[in-house]
mmCIF file of all heavy atoms, coordinates in Angstrom:
data_MODEL
# 
_entry.id   MODEL 
# 
loop_
_atom_site.group_PDB 
_atom_site.id 
_atom_site.type_symbol 
_atom_site.label_atom_id 
_atom_site.label_alt_id 
_atom_site.label_comp_id 
_atom_site.label_asym_id 
_atom_site.label_entity_id 
_atom_site.label_seq_id 
_atom_site.pdbx_PDB_ins_code 
_atom_site.Cartn_x 
_atom_site.Cartn_y 
_atom_site.Cartn_z 
_atom_site.occupancy 
_atom_site.B_iso_or_equiv 
_atom_site.pdbx_formal_charge 
_atom_site.auth_seq_id 
_atom_site.auth_comp_id 
_atom_site.auth_asym_id 
_atom_site.auth_atom_id 
_atom_site.pdbx_PDB_model_num 
ATOM 1   N N   . LEU A 1 1  ? -4.031  -43.501 55.496 1.00 0.00 ? 1  LEU A N   1 
ATOM 2   C CA  . LEU A 1 1  ? -3.276  -42.995 56.641 1.00 0.00 ? 1  LEU A CA  1 
ATOM 3   C C   . LEU A 1 1  ? -3.247  -41.470 56.677 1.00 0.00 ? 1  LEU A C   1 
ATOM 4   O O   . LEU A 1 1  ? -3.267  -40.864 57.750 1.00 0.00 ? 1  LEU A O   1 
ATOM 5   C CB  . LEU A 1 1  ? -1.845  -43.549 56.604 1.00 0.00 ? 1  LEU A CB  1 
ATOM 6   C CG  . LEU A 1 1  ? -1.696  -45.052 56.897 1.00 0.00 ? 1  LEU A CG  1 
ATOM 7   C CD1 . LEU A 1 1  ? -0.238  -45.468 56.767 1.00 0.00 ? 1  LEU A CD1 1 
ATOM 8   C CD2 . LEU A 1 1  ? -2.225  -45.391 58.288 1.00 0.00 ? 1  LEU A CD2 1 
ATOM 9   N N   . SER A 1 2  ? -3.194  -40.845 55.503 1.00 0.00 ? 2  SER A N   1 
ATOM 10  C CA  . SER A 1 2  ? -3.199  -39.377 55.473 1.00 0.00 ? 2  SER A CA  1 
ATOM 11  C C   . SER A 1 2  ? -4.548  -38.799 55.860 1.00 0.00 ? 2  SER A C   1 
ATOM 12  O O   . SER A 1 2  ? -4.628  -37.699 56.421 1.00 0.00 ? 2  SER A O   1 
ATOM 13  C CB  . SER A 1 2  ? -2.804  -38.882 54.077 1.00 0.00 ? 2  SER A CB  1 
ATOM 14  O OG  . SER A 1 2  ? -3.741  -39.336 53.102 1.00 0.00 ? 2  SER A OG  1 
ATOM 15  N N   . LEU A 1 3  ? -5.632  -39.518 55.571 1.00 0.00 ? 3  LEU A N   1 
ATOM 16  C CA  . LEU A 1 3  ? -6.970  -39.040 55.906 1.00 0.00 ? 3  LEU A CA  1 
ATOM 17  C C   . LEU A 1 3  ? -7.464  -39.552 57.250 1.00 0.00 ? 3  LEU A C   1 
ATOM 18  O O   . LEU A 1 3  ? -8.501  -39.075 57.743 1.00 0.00 ? 3  LEU A O   1 
ATOM 19  C CB  . LEU A 1 3  ? -7.963  -39.460 54.820 1.00 0.00 ? 3  LEU A CB  1 
ATOM 20  C CG  . LEU A 1 3  ? -7.719  -38.891 53.414 1.00 0.00 ? 3  LEU A CG  1 
ATOM 21  C CD1 . LEU A 1 3  ? -8.728  -39.466 52.433 1.00 0.00 ? 3  LEU A CD1 1 
ATOM 22  C CD2 . LEU A 1 3  ? -7.799  -37.370 53.424 1.00 0.00 ? 3  LEU A CD2 1 
ATOM 23  N N   . ALA A 1 4  ? -6.759  -40.515 57.836 1.00 0.00 ? 4  ALA A N   1 
ATOM 24  C CA  . ALA A 1 4  ? -7.228  -41.141 59.078 1.00 0.00 ? 4  ALA A CA  1 
ATOM 25  C C   . ALA A 1 4  ? -7.411  -40.140 60.219 1.00 0.00 ? 4  ALA A C   1 
ATOM 26  O O   . ALA A 1 4  ? -8.427  -40.199 60.920 1.00 0.00 ? 4  ALA A O   1 
ATOM 27  C CB  . ALA A 1 4  ? -6.284  -42.265 59.493 1.00 0.00 ? 4  ALA A CB  1 
ATOM 28  N N   . PRO A 1 5  ? -6.475  -39.200 60.473 1.00 0.00 ? 5  PRO A N   1 
ATOM 29  C CA  . PRO A 1 5  ? -6.710  -38.259 61.588 1.00 0.00 ? 5  PRO A CA  1 
ATOM 30  C C   . PRO A 1 5  ? -7.975  -37.440 61.415 1.00 0.00 ? 5  PRO A C   1 
ATOM 31  O O   . PRO A 1 5  ? -8.733  -37.245 62.378 1.00 0.00 ? 5  PRO A O   1 
ATOM 32  C CB  . PRO A 1 5  ? -5.456  -37.386 61.563 1.00 0.00 ? 5  PRO A CB  1 
ATOM 33  C CG  . PRO A 1 5  ? -4.412  -38.215 60.904 1.00 0.00 ? 5  PRO A CG  1 
ATOM 34  C CD  . PRO A 1 5  ? -5.133  -39.031 59.886 1.00 0.00 ? 5  PRO A CD  1 
ATOM 35  N N   . ALA A 1 6  ? -8.233  -36.948 60.189 1.00 0.00 ? 6  ALA A N   1 
ATOM 36  C CA  . ALA A 1 6  ? -9.438  -36.154 59.964 1.00 0.00 ? 6  ALA A CA  1 
ATOM 37  C C   . ALA A 1 6  ? -10.689 -37.002 60.149 1.00 0.00 ? 6  ALA A C   1 
ATOM 38  O O   . ALA A 1 6  ? -11.670 -36.568 60.763 1.00 0.00 ? 6  ALA A O   1 
ATOM 39  C CB  . ALA A 1 6  ? -9.411  -35.541 58.561 1.00 0.00 ? 6  ALA A CB  1 
ATOM 40  N N   . ILE A 1 7  ? -10.669 -38.229 59.614 1.00 0.00 ? 7  ILE A N   1 
ATOM 41  C CA  . ILE A 1 7  ? -11.831 -39.108 59.763 1.00 0.00 ? 7  ILE A CA  1 
ATOM 42  C C   . ILE A 1 7  ? -12.055 -39.443 61.231 1.00 0.00 ? 7  ILE A C   1 
ATOM 43  O O   . ILE A 1 7  ? -13.195 -39.458 61.714 1.00 0.00 ? 7  ILE A O   1 
ATOM 44  C CB  . ILE A 1 7  ? -11.625 -40.386 58.927 1.00 0.00 ? 7  ILE A CB  1 
ATOM 45  C CG1 . ILE A 1 7  ? -11.541 -40.036 57.435 1.00 0.00 ? 7  ILE A CG1 1 
ATOM 46  C CG2 . ILE A 1 7  ? -12.754 -41.382 59.169 1.00 0.00 ? 7  ILE A CG2 1 
ATOM 47  C CD1 . ILE A 1 7  ? -11.200 -41.225 56.553 1.00 0.00 ? 7  ILE A CD1 1 
ATOM 48  N N   . LEU A 1 8  ? -10.981 -39.691 61.951 1.00 0.00 ? 8  LEU A N   1 
ATOM 49  C CA  . LEU A 1 8  ? -11.097 -40.046 63.365 1.00 0.00 ? 8  LEU A CA  1 
ATOM 50  C C   . LEU A 1 8  ? -11.692 -38.896 64.173 1.00 0.00 ? 8  LEU A C   1 
ATOM 51  O O   . LEU A 1 8  ? -12.497 -39.118 65.085 1.00 0.00 ? 8  LEU A O   1 
ATOM 52  C CB  . LEU A 1 8  ? -9.725  -40.434 63.918 1.00 0.00 ? 8  LEU A CB  1 
ATOM 53  C CG  . LEU A 1 8  ? -9.688  -41.003 65.344 1.00 0.00 ? 8  LEU A CG  1 
ATOM 54  C CD1 . LEU A 1 8  ? -10.485 -42.294 65.405 1.00 0.00 ? 8  LEU A CD1 1 
ATOM 55  C CD2 . LEU A 1 8  ? -8.262  -41.243 65.785 1.00 0.00 ? 8  LEU A CD2 1 
ATOM 56  N N   . LEU A 1 9  ? -11.319 -37.669 63.850 1.00 0.00 ? 9  LEU A N   1 
ATOM 57  C CA  . LEU A 1 9  ? -11.850 -36.528 64.580 1.00 0.00 ? 9  LEU A CA  1 
ATOM 58  C C   . LEU A 1 9  ? -13.318 -36.264 64.230 1.00 0.00 ? 9  LEU A C   1 
ATOM 59  O O   . LEU A 1 9  ? -14.085 -35.807 65.068 1.00 0.00 ? 9  LEU A O   1 
ATOM 60  C CB  . LEU A 1 9  ? -11.017 -35.280 64.280 1.00 0.00 ? 9  LEU A CB  1 
ATOM 61  C CG  . LEU A 1 9  ? -9.587  -35.272 64.817 1.00 0.00 ? 9  LEU A CG  1 
ATOM 62  C CD1 . LEU A 1 9  ? -8.866  -34.010 64.384 1.00 0.00 ? 9  LEU A CD1 1 
ATOM 63  C CD2 . LEU A 1 9  ? -9.575  -35.388 66.328 1.00 0.00 ? 9  LEU A CD2 1 
ATOM 64  N N   . MET A 1 10 ? -13.706 -36.558 63.005 1.00 0.00 ? 10 MET A N   1 
ATOM 65  C CA  . MET A 1 10 ? -15.065 -36.258 62.588 1.00 0.00 ? 10 MET A CA  1 
ATOM 66  C C   . MET A 1 10 ? -16.100 -37.206 63.186 1.00 0.00 ? 10 MET A C   1 
ATOM 67  O O   . MET A 1 10 ? -17.284 -36.887 63.215 1.00 0.00 ? 10 MET A O   1 
ATOM 68  C CB  . MET A 1 10 ? -15.166 -36.298 61.057 1.00 0.00 ? 10 MET A CB  1 
ATOM 69  C CG  . MET A 1 10 ? -14.405 -35.189 60.350 1.00 0.00 ? 10 MET A CG  1 
ATOM 70  S SD  . MET A 1 10 ? -14.905 -33.520 60.856 1.00 0.00 ? 10 MET A SD  1 
ATOM 71  C CE  . MET A 1 10 ? -13.557 -33.057 61.952 1.00 0.00 ? 10 MET A CE  1 
ATOM 72  N N   . VAL A 1 11 ? -15.693 -38.370 63.649 1.00 0.00 ? 11 VAL A N   1 
ATOM 73  C CA  . VAL A 1 11 ? -16.646 -39.320 64.249 1.00 0.00 ? 11 VAL A CA  1 
ATOM 74  C C   . VAL A 1 11 ? -16.565 -39.293 65.767 1.00 0.00 ? 11 VAL A C   1 
ATOM 75  O O   . VAL A 1 11 ? -17.048 -40.208 66.430 1.00 0.00 ? 11 VAL A O   1 
ATOM 76  C CB  . VAL A 1 11 ? -16.392 -40.754 63.733 1.00 0.00 ? 11 VAL A CB  1 
ATOM 77  C CG1 . VAL A 1 11 ? -16.611 -40.829 62.230 1.00 0.00 ? 11 VAL A CG1 1 
ATOM 78  C CG2 . VAL A 1 11 ? -14.990 -41.234 64.091 1.00 0.00 ? 11 VAL A CG2 1 
ATOM 79  N N   . THR A 1 12 ? -15.969 -38.242 66.317 1.00 0.00 ? 12 THR A N   1 
ATOM 80  C CA  . THR A 1 12 ? -15.856 -38.088 67.771 1.00 0.00 ? 12 THR A CA  1 
ATOM 81  C C   . THR A 1 12 ? -16.516 -36.772 68.171 1.00 0.00 ? 12 THR A C   1 
ATOM 82  O O   . THR A 1 12 ? -17.172 -36.108 67.362 1.00 0.00 ? 12 THR A O   1 
ATOM 83  C CB  . THR A 1 12 ? -14.384 -38.104 68.204 1.00 0.00 ? 12 THR A CB  1 
ATOM 84  O OG1 . THR A 1 12 ? -13.696 -37.006 67.596 1.00 0.00 ? 12 THR A OG1 1 
ATOM 85  C CG2 . THR A 1 12 ? -13.706 -39.407 67.797 1.00 0.00 ? 12 THR A CG2 1 
ATOM 86  N N   . SER A 1 13 ? -16.315 -36.394 69.402 1.00 0.00 ? 13 SER A N   1 
ATOM 87  C CA  . SER A 1 13 ? -16.895 -35.156 69.926 1.00 0.00 ? 13 SER A CA  1 
ATOM 88  C C   . SER A 1 13 ? -16.071 -33.924 69.584 1.00 0.00 ? 13 SER A C   1 
ATOM 89  O O   . SER A 1 13 ? -16.409 -32.823 70.029 1.00 0.00 ? 13 SER A O   1 
ATOM 90  C CB  . SER A 1 13 ? -17.022 -35.265 71.454 1.00 0.00 ? 13 SER A CB  1 
ATOM 91  O OG  . SER A 1 13 ? -15.746 -35.485 72.044 1.00 0.00 ? 13 SER A OG  1 
ATOM 92  N N   . PHE A 1 14 ? -15.029 -34.073 68.803 1.00 0.00 ? 14 PHE A N   1 
ATOM 93  C CA  . PHE A 1 14 ? -14.119 -32.962 68.529 1.00 0.00 ? 14 PHE A CA  1 
ATOM 94  C C   . PHE A 1 14 ? -14.822 -31.813 67.826 1.00 0.00 ? 14 PHE A C   1 
ATOM 95  O O   . PHE A 1 14 ? -14.545 -30.636 68.119 1.00 0.00 ? 14 PHE A O   1 
ATOM 96  C CB  . PHE A 1 14 ? -12.940 -33.455 67.679 1.00 0.00 ? 14 PHE A CB  1 
ATOM 97  C CG  . PHE A 1 14 ? -11.934 -32.387 67.354 1.00 0.00 ? 14 PHE A CG  1 
ATOM 98  C CD1 . PHE A 1 14 ? -10.983 -32.005 68.278 1.00 0.00 ? 14 PHE A CD1 1 
ATOM 99  C CD2 . PHE A 1 14 ? -11.935 -31.764 66.111 1.00 0.00 ? 14 PHE A CD2 1 
ATOM 100 C CE1 . PHE A 1 14 ? -10.055 -31.015 67.983 1.00 0.00 ? 14 PHE A CE1 1 
ATOM 101 C CE2 . PHE A 1 14 ? -11.020 -30.779 65.813 1.00 0.00 ? 14 PHE A CE2 1 
ATOM 102 C CZ  . PHE A 1 14 ? -10.076 -30.407 66.742 1.00 0.00 ? 14 PHE A CZ  1 
ATOM 103 N N   . THR A 1 15 ? -15.716 -32.109 66.903 1.00 0.00 ? 15 THR A N   1 
ATOM 104 C CA  . THR A 1 15 ? -16.392 -31.054 66.140 1.00 0.00 ? 15 THR A CA  1 
ATOM 105 C C   . THR A 1 15 ? -17.151 -30.112 67.061 1.00 0.00 ? 15 THR A C   1 
ATOM 106 O O   . THR A 1 15 ? -17.013 -28.883 66.972 1.00 0.00 ? 15 THR A O   1 
ATOM 107 C CB  . THR A 1 15 ? -17.353 -31.681 65.119 1.00 0.00 ? 15 THR A CB  1 
ATOM 108 O OG1 . THR A 1 15 ? -16.632 -32.541 64.248 1.00 0.00 ? 15 THR A OG1 1 
ATOM 109 C CG2 . THR A 1 15 ? -18.044 -30.599 64.299 1.00 0.00 ? 15 THR A CG2 1 
ATOM 110 N N   . ARG A 1 16 ? -17.958 -30.663 67.961 1.00 0.00 ? 16 ARG A N   1 
ATOM 111 C CA  . ARG A 1 16 ? -18.728 -29.820 68.865 1.00 0.00 ? 16 ARG A CA  1 
ATOM 112 C C   . ARG A 1 16 ? -17.819 -29.036 69.801 1.00 0.00 ? 16 ARG A C   1 
ATOM 113 O O   . ARG A 1 16 ? -18.035 -27.832 70.029 1.00 0.00 ? 16 ARG A O   1 
ATOM 114 C CB  . ARG A 1 16 ? -19.709 -30.666 69.677 1.00 0.00 ? 16 ARG A CB  1 
ATOM 115 C CG  . ARG A 1 16 ? -20.630 -29.852 70.557 1.00 0.00 ? 16 ARG A CG  1 
ATOM 116 C CD  . ARG A 1 16 ? -21.452 -30.727 71.481 1.00 0.00 ? 16 ARG A CD  1 
ATOM 117 N NE  . ARG A 1 16 ? -22.201 -31.759 70.790 1.00 0.00 ? 16 ARG A NE  1 
ATOM 118 C CZ  . ARG A 1 16 ? -23.068 -32.574 71.381 1.00 0.00 ? 16 ARG A CZ  1 
ATOM 119 N NH1 . ARG A 1 16 ? -23.286 -32.459 72.698 1.00 0.00 ? 16 ARG A NH1 1 
ATOM 120 N NH2 . ARG A 1 16 ? -23.706 -33.498 70.687 1.00 0.00 ? 16 ARG A NH2 1 
ATOM 121 N N   . VAL A 1 17 ? -16.800 -29.676 70.330 1.00 0.00 ? 17 VAL A N   1 
ATOM 122 C CA  . VAL A 1 17 ? -15.934 -29.023 71.317 1.00 0.00 ? 17 VAL A CA  1 
ATOM 123 C C   . VAL A 1 17 ? -15.181 -27.855 70.695 1.00 0.00 ? 17 VAL A C   1 
ATOM 124 O O   . VAL A 1 17 ? -15.159 -26.745 71.257 1.00 0.00 ? 17 VAL A O   1 
ATOM 125 C CB  . VAL A 1 17 ? -14.953 -30.046 71.923 1.00 0.00 ? 17 VAL A CB  1 
ATOM 126 C CG1 . VAL A 1 17 ? -13.976 -29.351 72.860 1.00 0.00 ? 17 VAL A CG1 1 
ATOM 127 C CG2 . VAL A 1 17 ? -15.703 -31.136 72.667 1.00 0.00 ? 17 VAL A CG2 1 
ATOM 128 N N   . ILE A 1 18 ? -14.585 -28.055 69.529 1.00 0.00 ? 18 ILE A N   1 
ATOM 129 C CA  . ILE A 1 18 ? -13.772 -27.000 68.922 1.00 0.00 ? 18 ILE A CA  1 
ATOM 130 C C   . ILE A 1 18 ? -14.633 -25.825 68.487 1.00 0.00 ? 18 ILE A C   1 
ATOM 131 O O   . ILE A 1 18 ? -14.219 -24.662 68.585 1.00 0.00 ? 18 ILE A O   1 
ATOM 132 C CB  . ILE A 1 18 ? -12.958 -27.562 67.728 1.00 0.00 ? 18 ILE A CB  1 
ATOM 133 C CG1 . ILE A 1 18 ? -11.896 -26.573 67.258 1.00 0.00 ? 18 ILE A CG1 1 
ATOM 134 C CG2 . ILE A 1 18 ? -13.858 -27.946 66.582 1.00 0.00 ? 18 ILE A CG2 1 
ATOM 135 C CD1 . ILE A 1 18 ? -10.792 -26.347 68.212 1.00 0.00 ? 18 ILE A CD1 1 
ATOM 136 N N   . ILE A 1 19 ? -15.861 -26.081 68.044 1.00 0.00 ? 19 ILE A N   1 
ATOM 137 C CA  . ILE A 1 19 ? -16.738 -24.987 67.619 1.00 0.00 ? 19 ILE A CA  1 
ATOM 138 C C   . ILE A 1 19 ? -17.206 -24.177 68.824 1.00 0.00 ? 19 ILE A C   1 
ATOM 139 O O   . ILE A 1 19 ? -17.240 -22.939 68.790 1.00 0.00 ? 19 ILE A O   1 
ATOM 140 C CB  . ILE A 1 19 ? -17.925 -25.540 66.822 1.00 0.00 ? 19 ILE A CB  1 
ATOM 141 C CG1 . ILE A 1 19 ? -17.444 -26.093 65.477 1.00 0.00 ? 19 ILE A CG1 1 
ATOM 142 C CG2 . ILE A 1 19 ? -18.972 -24.457 66.588 1.00 0.00 ? 19 ILE A CG2 1 
ATOM 143 C CD1 . ILE A 1 19 ? -18.533 -26.723 64.643 1.00 0.00 ? 19 ILE A CD1 1 
ATOM 144 N N   . VAL A 1 20 ? -17.577 -24.852 69.911 1.00 0.00 ? 20 VAL A N   1 
ATOM 145 C CA  . VAL A 1 20 ? -18.026 -24.139 71.114 1.00 0.00 ? 20 VAL A CA  1 
ATOM 146 C C   . VAL A 1 20 ? -16.897 -23.277 71.675 1.00 0.00 ? 20 VAL A C   1 
ATOM 147 O O   . VAL A 1 20 ? -17.117 -22.118 72.053 1.00 0.00 ? 20 VAL A O   1 
ATOM 148 C CB  . VAL A 1 20 ? -18.541 -25.137 72.158 1.00 0.00 ? 20 VAL A CB  1 
ATOM 149 C CG1 . VAL A 1 20 ? -18.796 -24.443 73.490 1.00 0.00 ? 20 VAL A CG1 1 
ATOM 150 C CG2 . VAL A 1 20 ? -19.814 -25.812 71.674 1.00 0.00 ? 20 VAL A CG2 1 
ATOM 151 N N   . LEU A 1 21 ? -15.688 -23.814 71.743 1.00 0.00 ? 21 LEU A N   1 
ATOM 152 C CA  . LEU A 1 21 ? -14.564 -23.020 72.232 1.00 0.00 ? 21 LEU A CA  1 
ATOM 153 C C   . LEU A 1 21 ? -14.271 -21.842 71.315 1.00 0.00 ? 21 LEU A C   1 
ATOM 154 O O   . LEU A 1 21 ? -13.901 -20.757 71.770 1.00 0.00 ? 21 LEU A O   1 
ATOM 155 C CB  . LEU A 1 21 ? -13.320 -23.908 72.368 1.00 0.00 ? 21 LEU A CB  1 
ATOM 156 C CG  . LEU A 1 21 ? -13.399 -25.029 73.409 1.00 0.00 ? 21 LEU A CG  1 
ATOM 157 C CD1 . LEU A 1 21 ? -12.107 -25.830 73.432 1.00 0.00 ? 21 LEU A CD1 1 
ATOM 158 C CD2 . LEU A 1 21 ? -13.711 -24.477 74.801 1.00 0.00 ? 21 LEU A CD2 1 
ATOM 159 N N   . GLY A 1 22 ? -14.445 -22.034 70.012 1.00 0.00 ? 22 GLY A N   1 
ATOM 160 C CA  . GLY A 1 22 ? -14.278 -20.917 69.085 1.00 0.00 ? 22 GLY A CA  1 
ATOM 161 C C   . GLY A 1 22 ? -15.330 -19.842 69.274 1.00 0.00 ? 22 GLY A C   1 
ATOM 162 O O   . GLY A 1 22 ? -15.047 -18.642 69.154 1.00 0.00 ? 22 GLY A O   1 
ATOM 163 N N   . PHE A 1 23 ? -16.562 -20.255 69.592 1.00 0.00 ? 23 PHE A N   1 
ATOM 164 C CA  . PHE A 1 23 ? -17.618 -19.284 69.874 1.00 0.00 ? 23 PHE A CA  1 
ATOM 165 C C   . PHE A 1 23 ? -17.269 -18.438 71.099 1.00 0.00 ? 23 PHE A C   1 
ATOM 166 O O   . PHE A 1 23 ? -17.536 -17.228 71.129 1.00 0.00 ? 23 PHE A O   1 
ATOM 167 C CB  . PHE A 1 23 ? -18.953 -20.001 70.088 1.00 0.00 ? 23 PHE A CB  1 
ATOM 168 C CG  . PHE A 1 23 ? -19.792 -20.086 68.844 1.00 0.00 ? 23 PHE A CG  1 
ATOM 169 C CD1 . PHE A 1 23 ? -19.964 -21.284 68.189 1.00 0.00 ? 23 PHE A CD1 1 
ATOM 170 C CD2 . PHE A 1 23 ? -20.415 -18.958 68.341 1.00 0.00 ? 23 PHE A CD2 1 
ATOM 171 C CE1 . PHE A 1 23 ? -20.740 -21.363 67.047 1.00 0.00 ? 23 PHE A CE1 1 
ATOM 172 C CE2 . PHE A 1 23 ? -21.194 -19.023 67.206 1.00 0.00 ? 23 PHE A CE2 1 
ATOM 173 C CZ  . PHE A 1 23 ? -21.362 -20.223 66.547 1.00 0.00 ? 23 PHE A CZ  1 
ATOM 174 N N   . VAL A 1 24 ? -16.707 -19.075 72.112 1.00 0.00 ? 24 VAL A N   1 
ATOM 175 C CA  . VAL A 1 24 ? -16.315 -18.328 73.314 1.00 0.00 ? 24 VAL A CA  1 
ATOM 176 C C   . VAL A 1 24 ? -15.288 -17.261 72.972 1.00 0.00 ? 24 VAL A C   1 
ATOM 177 O O   . VAL A 1 24 ? -15.388 -16.099 73.400 1.00 0.00 ? 24 VAL A O   1 
ATOM 178 C CB  . VAL A 1 24 ? -15.766 -19.295 74.383 1.00 0.00 ? 24 VAL A CB  1 
ATOM 179 C CG1 . VAL A 1 24 ? -15.218 -18.528 75.578 1.00 0.00 ? 24 VAL A CG1 1 
ATOM 180 C CG2 . VAL A 1 24 ? -16.847 -20.257 74.843 1.00 0.00 ? 24 VAL A CG2 1 
ATOM 181 N N   . GLN A 1 25 ? -14.311 -17.640 72.193 1.00 0.00 ? 25 GLN A N   1 
ATOM 182 C CA  . GLN A 1 25 ? -13.250 -16.697 71.836 1.00 0.00 ? 25 GLN A CA  1 
ATOM 183 C C   . GLN A 1 25 ? -13.799 -15.506 71.054 1.00 0.00 ? 25 GLN A C   1 
ATOM 184 O O   . GLN A 1 25 ? -13.434 -14.353 71.317 1.00 0.00 ? 25 GLN A O   1 
ATOM 185 C CB  . GLN A 1 25 ? -12.188 -17.428 71.012 1.00 0.00 ? 25 GLN A CB  1 
ATOM 186 C CG  . GLN A 1 25 ? -10.951 -16.611 70.710 1.00 0.00 ? 25 GLN A CG  1 
ATOM 187 C CD  . GLN A 1 25 ? -9.949  -17.399 69.886 1.00 0.00 ? 25 GLN A CD  1 
ATOM 188 O OE1 . GLN A 1 25 ? -10.331 -18.222 69.051 1.00 0.00 ? 25 GLN A OE1 1 
ATOM 189 N NE2 . GLN A 1 25 ? -8.680  -17.169 70.127 1.00 0.00 ? 25 GLN A NE2 1 
ATOM 190 N N   . ARG A 1 26 ? -14.703 -15.753 70.123 1.00 0.00 ? 26 ARG A N   1 
ATOM 191 C CA  . ARG A 1 26 ? -15.240 -14.668 69.302 1.00 0.00 ? 26 ARG A CA  1 
ATOM 192 C C   . ARG A 1 26 ? -16.304 -13.867 70.026 1.00 0.00 ? 26 ARG A C   1 
ATOM 193 O O   . ARG A 1 26 ? -16.499 -12.685 69.736 1.00 0.00 ? 26 ARG A O   1 
ATOM 194 C CB  . ARG A 1 26 ? -15.789 -15.247 68.001 1.00 0.00 ? 26 ARG A CB  1 
ATOM 195 C CG  . ARG A 1 26 ? -14.683 -15.636 67.037 1.00 0.00 ? 26 ARG A CG  1 
ATOM 196 C CD  . ARG A 1 26 ? -15.146 -16.617 65.986 1.00 0.00 ? 26 ARG A CD  1 
ATOM 197 N NE  . ARG A 1 26 ? -14.056 -16.963 65.086 1.00 0.00 ? 26 ARG A NE  1 
ATOM 198 C CZ  . ARG A 1 26 ? -13.098 -17.833 65.376 1.00 0.00 ? 26 ARG A CZ  1 
ATOM 199 N NH1 . ARG A 1 26 ? -13.101 -18.444 66.563 1.00 0.00 ? 26 ARG A NH1 1 
ATOM 200 N NH2 . ARG A 1 26 ? -12.134 -18.105 64.523 1.00 0.00 ? 26 ARG A NH2 1 
ATOM 201 N N   . ALA A 1 27 ? -17.028 -14.492 70.957 1.00 0.00 ? 27 ALA A N   1 
ATOM 202 C CA  . ALA A 1 27 ? -18.037 -13.756 71.715 1.00 0.00 ? 27 ALA A CA  1 
ATOM 203 C C   . ALA A 1 27 ? -17.387 -12.702 72.603 1.00 0.00 ? 27 ALA A C   1 
ATOM 204 O O   . ALA A 1 27 ? -17.905 -11.586 72.740 1.00 0.00 ? 27 ALA A O   1 
ATOM 205 C CB  . ALA A 1 27 ? -18.862 -14.721 72.554 1.00 0.00 ? 27 ALA A CB  1 
# 
């Protein structure tokens, strides 16, 4: 249960979305 949120996010589109939005902020 403690690891479930991280595992759930890693098998979804969250990784790509959060990185792209971070690139926008730093660019």
